[in-house]
Amino acid sequence: MSQAIDLAKKQTIIAKIKDEGRRVTEVATEYGVSTKTIYGWLSNGGVGGDSSALEIARLKRELEAVYGVLGKVTAELKRPKK
């Protein structure tokens, strides 16, 4: 049985994925919505958004990972040599 989801909840869910870069599975579990439903919203342009929401979220996660690696490398280079 399908349950209607109000617009505000959809917007919140989509924002967490698009703006915060959170994973669809994580947000689906948190809000009790199926991943299939969320992927459907995203493929249809989300709620007032565009269809590239998943790509944007993925790129944000990758950028955070790159910054983490860059920080470690920078710290290593600044460490005094023995």
Protein backbone atom coordinates (compact mmCIF):
# COMPACT_ATOMS: atom_id res chain seq x y z
CA MET A 1 0.00 0.00 0.00
CA SER A 2 1.45 3.35 -1.09
CA GLN A 3 1.46 6.29 1.30
CA ALA A 4 1.33 9.88 -0.03
CA ILE A 5 4.30 12.00 0.92
CA ASP A 6 3.75 15.71 1.40
CA LEU A 7 5.67 18.29 -0.63
CA ALA A 8 7.64 19.63 2.34
CA LYS A 9 8.94 16.15 3.18
CA LYS A 10 9.92 15.56 -0.47
CA GLN A 11 11.77 18.87 -0.55
CA THR A 12 13.60 18.03 2.65
CA ILE A 13 14.64 14.61 1.37
CA ILE A 14 15.81 15.96 -1.99
CA ALA A 15 17.71 18.80 -0.28
CA LYS A 16 19.57 16.34 1.96
CA ILE A 17 20.72 14.46 -1.13
CA LYS A 18 21.45 17.44 -3.38
CA ASP A 19 22.75 20.02 -0.91
CA GLU A 20 24.28 17.88 1.81
CA GLY A 21 25.54 15.13 -0.49
CA ARG A 22 23.96 12.37 1.59
CA ARG A 23 23.33 8.94 0.09
CA VAL A 24 19.87 8.00 -1.12
CA THR A 25 19.84 4.79 0.94
CA GLU A 26 20.75 6.68 4.11
CA VAL A 27 18.01 9.32 3.63
CA ALA A 28 15.46 6.69 2.59
CA THR A 29 16.02 4.79 5.83
CA GLU A 30 15.89 7.97 7.90
CA TYR A 31 12.55 9.09 6.42
CA GLY A 32 10.95 5.69 5.85
CA VAL A 33 10.71 6.14 2.08
CA SER A 34 11.81 3.57 -0.47
CA THR A 35 14.96 4.24 -2.44
CA LYS A 36 12.96 3.51 -5.61
CA THR A 37 10.61 6.38 -4.78
CA ILE A 38 13.48 8.79 -4.16
CA TYR A 39 15.29 7.75 -7.34
CA GLY A 40 12.01 8.35 -9.18
CA TRP A 41 11.81 11.89 -7.81
CA LEU A 42 15.42 12.53 -8.77
CA SER A 43 15.07 11.16 -12.29
CA ASN A 44 11.99 13.34 -12.80
CA GLY A 45 13.90 16.43 -11.77
CA GLY A 46 13.30 16.15 -8.05
CA VAL A 47 11.04 18.70 -6.42
CA GLY A 48 11.73 21.95 -8.20
CA GLY A 49 15.23 20.80 -9.13
CA ASP A 50 17.03 19.29 -12.06
CA SER A 51 17.77 15.67 -12.91
CA SER A 52 21.47 15.96 -12.06
CA ALA A 53 20.92 15.85 -8.29
CA LEU A 54 22.58 12.46 -7.89
CA GLU A 55 25.60 13.56 -9.91
CA ILE A 56 25.96 16.73 -7.82
CA ALA A 57 25.75 14.76 -4.57
CA ARG A 58 28.30 12.23 -5.84
CA LEU A 59 30.70 14.99 -6.88
CA LYS A 60 30.36 16.67 -3.47
CA ARG A 61 31.30 13.39 -1.74
CA GLU A 62 34.27 12.94 -4.09
CA LEU A 63 35.43 16.51 -3.48
CA GLU A 64 35.31 15.97 0.28
CA ALA A 65 37.43 12.84 -0.15
CA VAL A 66 39.94 14.73 -2.29
CA TYR A 67 40.18 17.49 0.33
CA GLY A 68 40.82 14.84 2.96
CA VAL A 69 43.66 13.30 0.96
CA LEU A 70 45.08 16.73 0.14
CA GLY A 71 45.07 17.64 3.82
CA LYS A 72 46.97 14.47 4.74
CA VAL A 73 49.54 15.02 1.98
CA THR A 74 50.00 18.65 3.03
CA ALA A 75 50.52 17.60 6.65
CA GLU A 76 53.10 15.00 5.57
CA LEU A 77 55.01 17.56 3.52
CA LYS A 78 55.08 20.05 6.41
CA ARG A 79 56.30 17.42 8.89
CA PRO A 80 60.00 17.96 9.72
CA LYS A 81 62.39 15.50 8.10
CA LYS A 82 64.47 13.31 10.42
